[in-house]
PDB file of N, CA and C in Angstrom:
ATOM      1  N   MET A   1     -20.382  -8.702  -7.365  1.00  0.00           N
ATOM      2  CA  MET A   1     -19.912  -9.912  -7.214  1.00  0.00           C
ATOM      3  C   MET A   1     -19.971 -10.060  -5.356  1.00  0.00           C
ATOM      4  N   THR A   2     -20.684 -11.711  -5.202  1.00  0.00           N
ATOM      5  CA  THR A   2     -20.954 -11.840  -3.864  1.00  0.00           C
ATOM      6  C   THR A   2     -20.009 -13.139  -3.602  1.00  0.00           C
ATOM      7  N   MET A   3     -19.681 -13.380  -2.318  1.00  0.00           N
ATOM      8  CA  MET A   3     -19.215 -14.329  -1.817  1.00  0.00           C
ATOM      9  C   MET A   3     -19.921 -15.169  -0.736  1.00  0.00           C
ATOM     10  N   LYS A   4     -19.727 -16.416  -0.784  1.00  0.00           N
ATOM     11  CA  LYS A   4     -20.825 -17.270   0.433  1.00  0.00           C
ATOM     12  C   LYS A   4     -19.882 -17.165   1.646  1.00  0.00           C
ATOM     13  N   CYS A   5     -20.427 -16.732   2.707  1.00  0.00           N
ATOM     14  CA  CYS A   5     -19.674 -16.878   4.160  1.00  0.00           C
ATOM     15  C   CYS A   5     -19.497 -18.188   4.596  1.00  0.00           C
ATOM     16  N   VAL A   6     -18.162 -18.724   5.064  1.00  0.00           N
ATOM     17  CA  VAL A   6     -17.858 -20.149   5.342  1.00  0.00           C
ATOM     18  C   VAL A   6     -18.730 -20.262   6.719  1.00  0.00           C
ATOM     19  N   LYS A   7     -18.858 -19.188   7.691  1.00  0.00           N
ATOM     20  CA  LYS A   7     -19.141 -19.052   9.060  1.00  0.00           C
ATOM     21  C   LYS A   7     -20.794 -19.302   9.004  1.00  0.00           C
ATOM     22  N   CYS A   8     -21.439 -18.815   8.303  1.00  0.00           N
ATOM     23  CA  CYS A   8     -23.064 -18.645   8.232  1.00  0.00           C
ATOM     24  C   CYS A   8     -23.590 -19.184   7.200  1.00  0.00           C
ATOM     25  N   GLY A   9     -22.989 -19.118   5.942  1.00  0.00           N
ATOM     26  CA  GLY A   9     -23.405 -19.446   4.708  1.00  0.00           C
ATOM     27  C   GLY A   9     -24.484 -18.588   3.727  1.00  0.00           C
ATOM     28  N   LYS A  10     -24.581 -17.428   4.411  1.00  0.00           N
ATOM     29  CA  LYS A  10     -25.030 -16.317   3.872  1.00  0.00           C
ATOM     30  C   LYS A  10     -24.100 -15.589   2.992  1.00  0.00           C
ATOM     31  N   LEU A  11     -24.773 -14.928   1.992  1.00  0.00           N
ATOM     32  CA  LEU A  11     -24.033 -14.017   1.010  1.00  0.00           C
ATOM     33  C   LEU A  11     -23.184 -12.797   1.908  1.00  0.00           C
ATOM     34  N   ALA A  12     -21.796 -12.794   1.157  1.00  0.00           N
ATOM     35  CA  ALA A  12     -21.254 -11.869   1.608  1.00  0.00           C
ATOM     36  C   ALA A  12     -21.077 -10.714   0.587  1.00  0.00           C
ATOM     37  N   LYS A  13     -21.075  -9.479   0.895  1.00  0.00           N
ATOM     38  CA  LYS A  13     -21.081  -8.401  -0.161  1.00  0.00           C
ATOM     39  C   LYS A  13     -19.863  -7.555  -0.227  1.00  0.00           C
ATOM     40  N   ARG A  14     -19.542  -6.820  -1.344  1.00  0.00           N
ATOM     41  CA  ARG A  14     -18.106  -6.114  -1.547  1.00  0.00           C
ATOM     42  C   ARG A  14     -18.187  -5.054  -0.477  1.00  0.00           C
ATOM     43  N   ALA A  15     -17.048  -4.963   0.066  1.00  0.00           N
ATOM     44  CA  ALA A  15     -16.840  -3.793   0.948  1.00  0.00           C
ATOM     45  C   ALA A  15     -15.306  -3.297   1.137  1.00  0.00           C
ATOM     46  N   SER A  16     -15.222  -2.142   1.585  1.00  0.00           N
ATOM     47  CA  SER A  16     -14.069  -1.702   1.465  1.00  0.00           C
ATOM     48  C   SER A  16     -13.382  -1.913   3.113  1.00  0.00           C
ATOM     49  N   LEU A  17     -12.534  -2.871   3.227  1.00  0.00           N
ATOM     50  CA  LEU A  17     -11.892  -3.269   4.620  1.00  0.00           C
ATOM     51  C   LEU A  17     -10.993  -2.414   5.422  1.00  0.00           C
ATOM     52  N   ARG A  18     -10.843  -1.871   6.497  1.00  0.00           N
ATOM     53  CA  ARG A  18      -9.648  -1.403   7.000  1.00  0.00           C
ATOM     54  C   ARG A  18      -8.714  -2.272   7.917  1.00  0.00           C
ATOM     55  N   ILE A  19      -7.580  -2.587   7.438  1.00  0.00           N
ATOM     56  CA  ILE A  19      -6.677  -3.470   7.732  1.00  0.00           C
ATOM     57  C   ILE A  19      -5.408  -2.930   8.213  1.00  0.00           C
ATOM     58  N   GLU A  20      -4.844  -2.720   9.310  1.00  0.00           N
ATOM     59  CA  GLU A  20      -3.429  -2.275   9.890  1.00  0.00           C
ATOM     60  C   GLU A  20      -3.289  -0.867   9.063  1.00  0.00           C
ATOM     61  N   GLY A  21      -4.221   0.118   9.191  1.00  0.00           N
ATOM     62  CA  GLY A  21      -4.281   1.552   8.601  1.00  0.00           C
ATOM     63  C   GLY A  21      -4.602   1.228   7.132  1.00  0.00           C
ATOM     64  N   THR A  22      -4.650   0.316   6.526  1.00  0.00           N
ATOM     65  CA  THR A  22      -4.932   0.521   5.062  1.00  0.00           C
ATOM     66  C   THR A  22      -6.212   0.057   4.701  1.00  0.00           C
ATOM     67  N   THR A  23      -6.836   0.985   3.838  1.00  0.00           N
ATOM     68  CA  THR A  23      -8.140   0.370   3.204  1.00  0.00           C
ATOM     69  C   THR A  23      -8.233  -0.545   1.857  1.00  0.00           C
ATOM     70  N   VAL A  24      -8.644  -1.698   2.091  1.00  0.00           N
ATOM     71  CA  VAL A  24      -8.454  -2.658   1.172  1.00  0.00           C
ATOM     72  C   VAL A  24      -9.656  -3.231   0.488  1.00  0.00           C
ATOM     73  N   PRO A  25      -9.904  -3.868  -0.641  1.00  0.00           N
ATOM     74  CA  PRO A  25     -11.216  -4.289  -0.929  1.00  0.00           C
ATOM     75  C   PRO A  25     -11.334  -5.691  -0.522  1.00  0.00           C
ATOM     76  N   GLY A  26     -12.617  -6.210  -0.372  1.00  0.00           N
ATOM     77  CA  GLY A  26     -12.814  -7.343   0.148  1.00  0.00           C
ATOM     78  C   GLY A  26     -14.423  -7.733   0.327  1.00  0.00           C
ATOM     79  N   TRP A  27     -14.863  -8.519   1.068  1.00  0.00           N
ATOM     80  CA  TRP A  27     -16.320  -9.044   1.368  1.00  0.00           C
ATOM     81  C   TRP A  27     -16.637  -8.758   2.697  1.00  0.00           C
ATOM     82  N   ARG A  28     -17.884  -8.215   3.000  1.00  0.00           N
ATOM     83  CA  ARG A  28     -18.225  -8.294   4.725  1.00  0.00           C
ATOM     84  C   ARG A  28     -19.374  -8.952   4.592  1.00  0.00           C
ATOM     85  N   CYS A  29     -19.784  -9.739   5.613  1.00  0.00           N
ATOM     86  CA  CYS A  29     -21.005 -10.684   5.620  1.00  0.00           C
ATOM     87  C   CYS A  29     -22.011 -10.000   6.838  1.00  0.00           C
ATOM     88  N   SER A  30     -23.186 -10.262   6.729  1.00  0.00           N
ATOM     89  CA  SER A  30     -23.892  -9.562   7.959  1.00  0.00           C
ATOM     90  C   SER A  30     -23.683 -10.269   9.368  1.00  0.00           C
ATOM     91  N   CYS A  31     -22.887 -11.405   9.002  1.00  0.00           N
ATOM     92  CA  CYS A  31     -22.860 -11.849  10.567  1.00  0.00           C
ATOM     93  C   CYS A  31     -21.284 -11.288  11.143  1.00  0.00           C
ATOM     94  N   GLY A  32     -20.739 -10.540  10.248  1.00  0.00           N
ATOM     95  CA  GLY A  32     -19.321  -9.703  10.629  1.00  0.00           C
ATOM     96  C   GLY A  32     -18.355 -10.476  10.190  1.00  0.00           C
ATOM     97  N   GLU A  33     -18.161 -11.344   9.544  1.00  0.00           N
ATOM     98  CA  GLU A  33     -17.191 -12.145   9.151  1.00  0.00           C
ATOM     99  C   GLU A  33     -16.588 -11.429   7.766  1.00  0.00           C
ATOM    100  N   GLU A  34     -15.419 -11.142   7.581  1.00  0.00           N
ATOM    101  CA  GLU A  34     -14.664 -10.546   6.743  1.00  0.00           C
ATOM    102  C   GLU A  34     -13.693 -11.054   5.864  1.00  0.00           C
ATOM    103  N   TYR A  35     -13.740 -10.924   4.543  1.00  0.00           N
ATOM    104  CA  TYR A  35     -12.748 -11.918   3.510  1.00  0.00           C
ATOM    105  C   TYR A  35     -12.214 -10.897   2.922  1.00  0.00           C
ATOM    106  N   LEU A  36     -10.637 -11.039   2.835  1.00  0.00           N
ATOM    107  CA  LEU A  36      -9.862  -9.969   2.013  1.00  0.00           C
ATOM    108  C   LEU A  36      -9.998 -10.557   0.333  1.00  0.00           C
ATOM    109  N   ASP A  37      -9.755  -9.445  -0.460  1.00  0.00           N
ATOM    110  CA  ASP A  37      -9.501  -9.875  -1.787  1.00  0.00           C
ATOM    111  C   ASP A  37      -7.823 -10.394  -1.947  1.00  0.00           C
ATOM    112  N   ALA A  38      -7.930 -11.258  -2.967  1.00  0.00           N
ATOM    113  CA  ALA A  38      -6.642 -11.768  -2.741  1.00  0.00           C
ATOM    114  C   ALA A  38      -5.508 -11.198  -3.272  1.00  0.00           C
ATOM    115  N   ASP A  39      -5.808  -9.746  -4.349  1.00  0.00           N
ATOM    116  CA  ASP A  39      -4.577  -9.129  -4.479  1.00  0.00           C
ATOM    117  C   ASP A  39      -4.120  -8.102  -3.263  1.00  0.00           C
ATOM    118  N   ALA A  40      -5.278  -7.953  -2.498  1.00  0.00           N
ATOM    119  CA  ALA A  40      -4.973  -6.900  -1.314  1.00  0.00           C
ATOM    120  C   ALA A  40      -4.315  -7.866  -0.322  1.00  0.00           C
ATOM    121  N   ALA A  41      -4.709  -9.018  -0.158  1.00  0.00           N
ATOM    122  CA  ALA A  41      -3.724  -9.787   0.564  1.00  0.00           C
ATOM    123  C   ALA A  41      -2.269 -10.104   0.589  1.00  0.00           C
ATOM    124  N   GLU A  42      -2.216 -10.194  -0.728  1.00  0.00           N
ATOM    125  CA  GLU A  42      -0.851 -10.183  -1.515  1.00  0.00           C
ATOM    126  C   GLU A  42      -0.018  -8.765  -0.999  1.00  0.00           C
ATOM    127  N   ARG A  43      -0.699  -7.755  -1.487  1.00  0.00           N
ATOM    128  CA  ARG A  43      -0.168  -6.360  -1.060  1.00  0.00           C
ATOM    129  C   ARG A  43       0.102  -5.966   0.474  1.00  0.00           C
ATOM    130  N   LEU A  44      -0.971  -6.779   1.305  1.00  0.00           N
ATOM    131  CA  LEU A  44      -0.584  -6.686   2.672  1.00  0.00           C
ATOM    132  C   LEU A  44       0.619  -7.280   3.302  1.00  0.00           C
ATOM    133  N   LEU A  45       0.789  -8.308   2.499  1.00  0.00           N
ATOM    134  CA  LEU A  45       2.003  -9.479   3.185  1.00  0.00           C
ATOM    135  C   LEU A  45       3.169  -8.653   2.533  1.00  0.00           C
ATOM    136  N   ALA A  46       3.105  -7.985   1.176  1.00  0.00           N
ATOM    137  CA  ALA A  46       4.385  -7.381   0.785  1.00  0.00           C
ATOM    138  C   ALA A  46       4.776  -6.210   1.766  1.00  0.00           C
ATOM    139  N   LEU A  47       3.919  -5.353   2.234  1.00  0.00           N
ATOM    140  CA  LEU A  47       3.956  -4.222   2.950  1.00  0.00           C
ATOM    141  C   LEU A  47       4.334  -4.576   4.432  1.00  0.00           C
ATOM    142  N   ARG A  48       3.792  -5.881   4.737  1.00  0.00           N
ATOM    143  CA  ARG A  48       4.574  -6.303   6.286  1.00  0.00           C
ATOM    144  C   ARG A  48       6.035  -6.629   5.983  1.00  0.00           C
ATOM    145  N   LYS A  49       6.535  -7.413   5.097  1.00  0.00           N
ATOM    146  CA  LYS A  49       7.736  -7.879   4.499  1.00  0.00           C
ATOM    147  C   LYS A  49       8.536  -6.534   4.506  1.00  0.00           C
ATOM    148  N   LEU A  50       7.982  -5.786   3.889  1.00  0.00           N
ATOM    149  CA  LEU A  50       8.877  -4.514   3.926  1.00  0.00           C
ATOM    150  C   LEU A  50       9.147  -3.640   5.293  1.00  0.00           C
ATOM    151  N   ASP A  51       8.170  -3.666   5.852  1.00  0.00           N
ATOM    152  CA  ASP A  51       8.101  -2.982   7.090  1.00  0.00           C
ATOM    153  C   ASP A  51       9.215  -3.533   7.973  1.00  0.00           C
ATOM    154  N   ARG A  52       9.609  -4.650   7.906  1.00  0.00           N
ATOM    155  CA  ARG A  52      10.722  -5.633   8.824  1.00  0.00           C
ATOM    156  C   ARG A  52      12.337  -4.879   8.088  1.00  0.00           C
ATOM    157  N   GLN A  53      12.155  -4.392   6.983  1.00  0.00           N
ATOM    158  CA  GLN A  53      13.418  -4.261   6.177  1.00  0.00           C
ATOM    159  C   GLN A  53      13.748  -2.958   6.364  1.00  0.00           C
ATOM    160  N   LYS A  54      15.080  -2.792   5.988  1.00  0.00           N
ATOM    161  CA  LYS A  54      15.768  -1.066   6.075  1.00  0.00           C
ATOM    162  C   LYS A  54      15.738  -0.835   4.864  1.00  0.00           C
ATOM    163  N   LEU A  55      14.861   0.210   4.318  1.00  0.00           N
ATOM    164  CA  LEU A  55      14.727   0.489   3.003  1.00  0.00           C
ATOM    165  C   LEU A  55      15.720   1.448   2.496  1.00  0.00           C
ATOM    166  N   THR A  56      16.369   1.638   1.399  1.00  0.00           N
ATOM    167  CA  THR A  56      17.177   3.088   1.197  1.00  0.00           C
ATOM    168  C   THR A  56      16.666   2.970  -0.367  1.00  0.00           C
ATOM    169  N   ALA A  57      16.864   4.593  -0.498  1.00  0.00           N
ATOM    170  CA  ALA A  57      16.634   4.994  -2.001  1.00  0.00           C
ATOM    171  C   ALA A  57      18.146   5.677  -2.580  1.00  0.00           C
ATOM    172  N   LYS A  58      18.190   5.560  -3.846  1.00  0.00           N
ATOM    173  CA  LYS A  58      19.562   6.395  -4.327  1.00  0.00           C
ATOM    174  C   LYS A  58      18.855   7.683  -4.952  1.00  0.00           C
ATOM    175  N   VAL A  59      19.630   8.647  -4.960  1.00  0.00           N
ATOM    176  CA  VAL A  59      19.526   9.969  -5.730  1.00  0.00           C
ATOM    177  C   VAL A  59      20.328  10.124  -6.677  1.00  0.00           C
ATOM    178  N   THR A  60      20.108  10.242  -8.231  1.00  0.00           N
ATOM    179  CA  THR A  60      20.820  10.241  -9.262  1.00  0.00           C
ATOM    180  C   THR A  60      20.288  11.706 -10.071  1.00  0.00           C
ATOM    181  N   GLN A  61      21.378  12.187 -10.445  1.00  0.00           N
ATOM    182  CA  GLN A  61      21.619  13.133 -11.482  1.00  0.00           C
ATOM    183  C   GLN A  61      20.940  12.563 -12.911  1.00  0.00           C
ATOM    184  N   GLN A  62      20.047  13.488 -13.338  1.00  0.00           N
ATOM    185  CA  GLN A  62      19.595  12.973 -14.979  1.00  0.00           C
ATOM    186  C   GLN A  62      19.397  14.410 -15.399  1.00  0.00           C
ATOM    187  N   GLY A  63      20.098  14.812 -16.003  1.00  0.00           N
ATOM    188  CA  GLY A  63      20.005  16.032 -16.887  1.00  0.00           C
ATOM    189  C   GLY A  63      20.407  17.294 -15.763  1.00  0.00           C
ATOM    190  N   ASN A  64      19.547  18.019 -15.872  1.00  0.00           N
ATOM    191  CA  ASN A  64      19.284  19.277 -14.794  1.00  0.00           C
ATOM    192  C   ASN A  64      18.535  18.948 -13.665  1.00  0.00           C
ATOM    193  N   SER A  65      18.149  17.641 -13.682  1.00  0.00           N
ATOM    194  CA  SER A  65      17.266  17.173 -12.603  1.00  0.00           C
ATOM    195  C   SER A  65      17.693  15.947 -11.475  1.00  0.00           C
ATOM    196  N   PHE A  66      17.270  15.817 -10.702  1.00  0.00           N
ATOM    197  CA  PHE A  66      17.525  14.913  -9.919  1.00  0.00           C
ATOM    198  C   PHE A  66      16.670  14.027  -9.715  1.00  0.00           C
ATOM    199  N   ALA A  67      16.821  12.597  -9.580  1.00  0.00           N
ATOM    200  CA  ALA A  67      15.804  11.508  -9.443  1.00  0.00           C
ATOM    201  C   ALA A  67      16.022  10.904  -8.046  1.00  0.00           C
ATOM    202  N   VAL A  68      15.081  10.488  -7.160  1.00  0.00           N
ATOM    203  CA  VAL A  68      15.113   9.355  -6.348  1.00  0.00           C
ATOM    204  C   VAL A  68      14.873   8.266  -6.761  1.00  0.00           C
ATOM    205  N   ARG A  69      15.650   7.077  -6.753  1.00  0.00           N
ATOM    206  CA  ARG A  69      15.042   5.528  -7.207  1.00  0.00           C
ATOM    207  C   ARG A  69      15.019   4.780  -6.108  1.00  0.00           C
ATOM    208  N   LEU A  70      13.557   4.163  -6.286  1.00  0.00           N
ATOM    209  CA  LEU A  70      13.126   3.767  -5.284  1.00  0.00           C
ATOM    210  C   LEU A  70      13.297   1.959  -5.460  1.00  0.00           C
ATOM    211  N   PRO A  71      13.435   1.147  -4.158  1.00  0.00           N
ATOM    212  CA  PRO A  71      13.444  -0.188  -4.507  1.00  0.00           C
ATOM    213  C   PRO A  71      12.183  -0.464  -5.304  1.00  0.00           C
ATOM    214  N   MET A  72      12.369  -1.563  -6.180  1.00  0.00           N
ATOM    215  CA  MET A  72      11.334  -2.418  -6.583  1.00  0.00           C
ATOM    216  C   MET A  72      10.255  -2.833  -5.970  1.00  0.00           C
ATOM    217  N   ALA A  73      10.664  -3.313  -4.761  1.00  0.00           N
ATOM    218  CA  ALA A  73       9.878  -3.881  -3.817  1.00  0.00           C
ATOM    219  C   ALA A  73       8.710  -2.989  -3.396  1.00  0.00           C
ATOM    220  N   LEU A  74       9.271  -2.173  -2.932  1.00  0.00           N
ATOM    221  CA  LEU A  74       8.258  -1.080  -2.232  1.00  0.00           C
ATOM    222  C   LEU A  74       7.435  -0.273  -3.620  1.00  0.00           C
ATOM    223  N   PHE A  75       8.044  -0.264  -4.676  1.00  0.00           N
ATOM    224  CA  PHE A  75       7.122   0.196  -5.944  1.00  0.00           C
ATOM    225  C   PHE A  75       5.714  -0.782  -6.178  1.00  0.00           C
ATOM    226  N   ARG A  76       6.252  -1.857  -6.055  1.00  0.00           N
ATOM    227  CA  ARG A  76       5.173  -2.991  -6.315  1.00  0.00           C
ATOM    228  C   ARG A  76       4.336  -3.052  -5.077  1.00  0.00           C
ATOM    229  N   ALA A  77       4.913  -3.126  -4.092  1.00  0.00           N
ATOM    230  CA  ALA A  77       3.912  -3.321  -2.758  1.00  0.00           C
ATOM    231  C   ALA A  77       2.992  -2.210  -2.615  1.00  0.00           C
ATOM    232  N   LEU A  78       3.275  -0.909  -3.093  1.00  0.00           N
ATOM    233  CA  LEU A  78       2.369   0.157  -3.177  1.00  0.00           C
ATOM    234  C   LEU A  78       1.373   0.481  -4.283  1.00  0.00           C
ATOM    235  N   GLY A  79       1.663  -0.532  -5.449  1.00  0.00           N
ATOM    236  CA  GLY A  79       0.806  -0.542  -6.612  1.00  0.00           C
ATOM    237  C   GLY A  79       1.255   0.540  -7.311  1.00  0.00           C
ATOM    238  N   MET A  80       2.641   1.276  -7.139  1.00  0.00           N
ATOM    239  CA  MET A  80       2.660   2.544  -7.976  1.00  0.00           C
ATOM    240  C   MET A  80       3.151   2.263  -9.516  1.00  0.00           C
ATOM    241  N   LYS A  81       2.913   3.271 -10.198  1.00  0.00           N
ATOM    242  CA  LYS A  81       3.088   2.836 -11.637  1.00  0.00           C
ATOM    243  C   LYS A  81       4.137   4.144 -12.361  1.00  0.00           C
ATOM    244  N   ASP A  82       4.687   3.880 -13.370  1.00  0.00           N
ATOM    245  CA  ASP A  82       5.797   4.521 -14.127  1.00  0.00           C
ATOM    246  C   ASP A  82       5.160   6.090 -13.938  1.00  0.00           C
ATOM    247  N   LYS A  83       5.954   7.192 -13.652  1.00  0.00           N
ATOM    248  CA  LYS A  83       5.701   8.616 -13.886  1.00  0.00           C
ATOM    249  C   LYS A  83       4.601   9.131 -12.939  1.00  0.00           C
ATOM    250  N   GLU A  84       4.328   8.238 -11.701  1.00  0.00           N
ATOM    251  CA  GLU A  84       3.405   9.006 -10.765  1.00  0.00           C
ATOM    252  C   GLU A  84       4.044   9.856 -10.080  1.00  0.00           C
ATOM    253  N   THR A  85       2.993  10.991  -9.491  1.00  0.00           N
ATOM    254  CA  THR A  85       3.467  12.067  -8.751  1.00  0.00           C
ATOM    255  C   THR A  85       3.322  11.749  -7.267  1.00  0.00           C
ATOM    256  N   LEU A  86       4.563  12.160  -6.701  1.00  0.00           N
ATOM    257  CA  LEU A  86       4.637  12.063  -5.201  1.00  0.00           C
ATOM    258  C   LEU A  86       4.568  13.624  -4.534  1.00  0.00           C
ATOM    259  N   GLY A  87       4.060  13.617  -3.400  1.00  0.00           N
ATOM    260  CA  GLY A  87       4.429  14.913  -2.781  1.00  0.00           C
ATOM    261  C   GLY A  87       5.650  14.568  -1.752  1.00  0.00           C
ATOM    262  N   ILE A  88       6.197  15.815  -1.594  1.00  0.00           N
ATOM    263  CA  ILE A  88       7.254  15.890  -0.648  1.00  0.00           C
ATOM    264  C   ILE A  88       7.206  16.893   0.445  1.00  0.00           C
ATOM    265  N   LYS A  89       7.317  16.541   1.760  1.00  0.00           N
ATOM    266  CA  LYS A  89       7.357  17.257   2.624  1.00  0.00           C
ATOM    267  C   LYS A  89       8.630  17.322   3.431  1.00  0.00           C
ATOM    268  N   VAL A  90       9.032  18.378   3.878  1.00  0.00           N
ATOM    269  CA  VAL A  90      10.561  18.435   4.760  1.00  0.00           C
ATOM    270  C   VAL A  90       9.970  18.818   6.058  1.00  0.00           C
ATOM    271  N   ASP A  91      10.833  17.859   6.523  1.00  0.00           N
ATOM    272  CA  ASP A  91      10.776  18.303   8.310  1.00  0.00           C
ATOM    273  C   ASP A  91      11.705  19.714   8.746  1.00  0.00           C
ATOM    274  N   PRO A  92      11.007  20.706   8.982  1.00  0.00           N
ATOM    275  CA  PRO A  92      11.857  21.761   9.480  1.00  0.00           C
ATOM    276  C   PRO A  92      12.599  21.549  10.782  1.00  0.00           C
ATOM    277  N   SER A  93      12.426  20.615  11.521  1.00  0.00           N
ATOM    278  CA  SER A  93      13.268  20.427  12.778  1.00  0.00           C
ATOM    279  C   SER A  93      14.514  19.796  12.457  1.00  0.00           C
ATOM    280  N   ASN A  94      14.217  18.920  11.008  1.00  0.00           N
ATOM    281  CA  ASN A  94      15.239  18.143  10.511  1.00  0.00           C
ATOM    282  C   ASN A  94      15.491  18.152   9.226  1.00  0.00           C
ATOM    283  N   PRO A  95      16.457  19.563   8.662  1.00  0.00           N
ATOM    284  CA  PRO A  95      16.113  19.399   7.094  1.00  0.00           C
ATOM    285  C   PRO A  95      16.689  18.163   6.093  1.00  0.00           C
ATOM    286  N   ARG A  96      17.433  17.329   6.724  1.00  0.00           N
ATOM    287  CA  ARG A  96      17.963  16.205   6.126  1.00  0.00           C
ATOM    288  C   ARG A  96      16.645  14.643   5.950  1.00  0.00           C
ATOM    289  N   SER A  97      15.494  15.597   6.839  1.00  0.00           N
ATOM    290  CA  SER A  97      14.469  14.338   6.575  1.00  0.00           C
ATOM    291  C   SER A  97      13.457  15.051   6.255  1.00  0.00           C
ATOM    292  N   PHE A  98      12.569  14.147   5.083  1.00  0.00           N
ATOM    293  CA  PHE A  98      11.363  14.453   4.286  1.00  0.00           C
ATOM    294  C   PHE A  98      10.756  12.965   4.201  1.00  0.00           C
ATOM    295  N   THR A  99       9.203  13.585   3.892  1.00  0.00           N
ATOM    296  CA  THR A  99       8.422  12.230   3.677  1.00  0.00           C
ATOM    297  C   THR A  99       7.641  12.300   2.247  1.00  0.00           C
ATOM    298  N   LEU A 100       7.510  11.532   1.666  1.00  0.00           N
ATOM    299  CA  LEU A 100       6.857  11.087   0.419  1.00  0.00           C
ATOM    300  C   LEU A 100       5.903  10.583   0.268  1.00  0.00           C
ATOM    301  N   THR A 101       4.709  11.107  -0.281  1.00  0.00           N
ATOM    302  CA  THR A 101       3.209  10.876  -0.285  1.00  0.00           C
ATOM    303  C   THR A 101       2.905  10.654  -1.504  1.00  0.00           C
ATOM    304  N   LEU A 102       2.284   9.323  -1.707  1.00  0.00           N
ATOM    305  CA  LEU A 102       1.731   9.108  -3.043  1.00  0.00           C
ATOM    306  C   LEU A 102       0.351   9.575  -3.194  1.00  0.00           C
ATOM    307  N   TYR A 103       0.438  10.234  -4.373  1.00  0.00           N
ATOM    308  CA  TYR A 103      -1.235  10.877  -4.683  1.00  0.00           C
ATOM    309  C   TYR A 103      -1.883  10.221  -5.232  1.00  0.00           C
TER     310      TYR A 103
END
């Protein structure tokens, strides 16, 4: 699929765009103009909104395991799916601090 550039009138081609440290789908014209995919723009707006909020997660026990419950807004903004695998990295200098990574 192509898109007509509003700046020069040429056809822009599908491309992966790097915006705010995130790679998103969009279009790039030979004149340098870039256009975001509508879904990608929505996701970036949701991530910006989340960046300004203090997010918390709950830990709950389920049988012999524990589950980390993430806010639905974060789940949607990251495009996560049910039963998706996350990586966990513990900070050795602060054992109460860890990072979750979406695979």
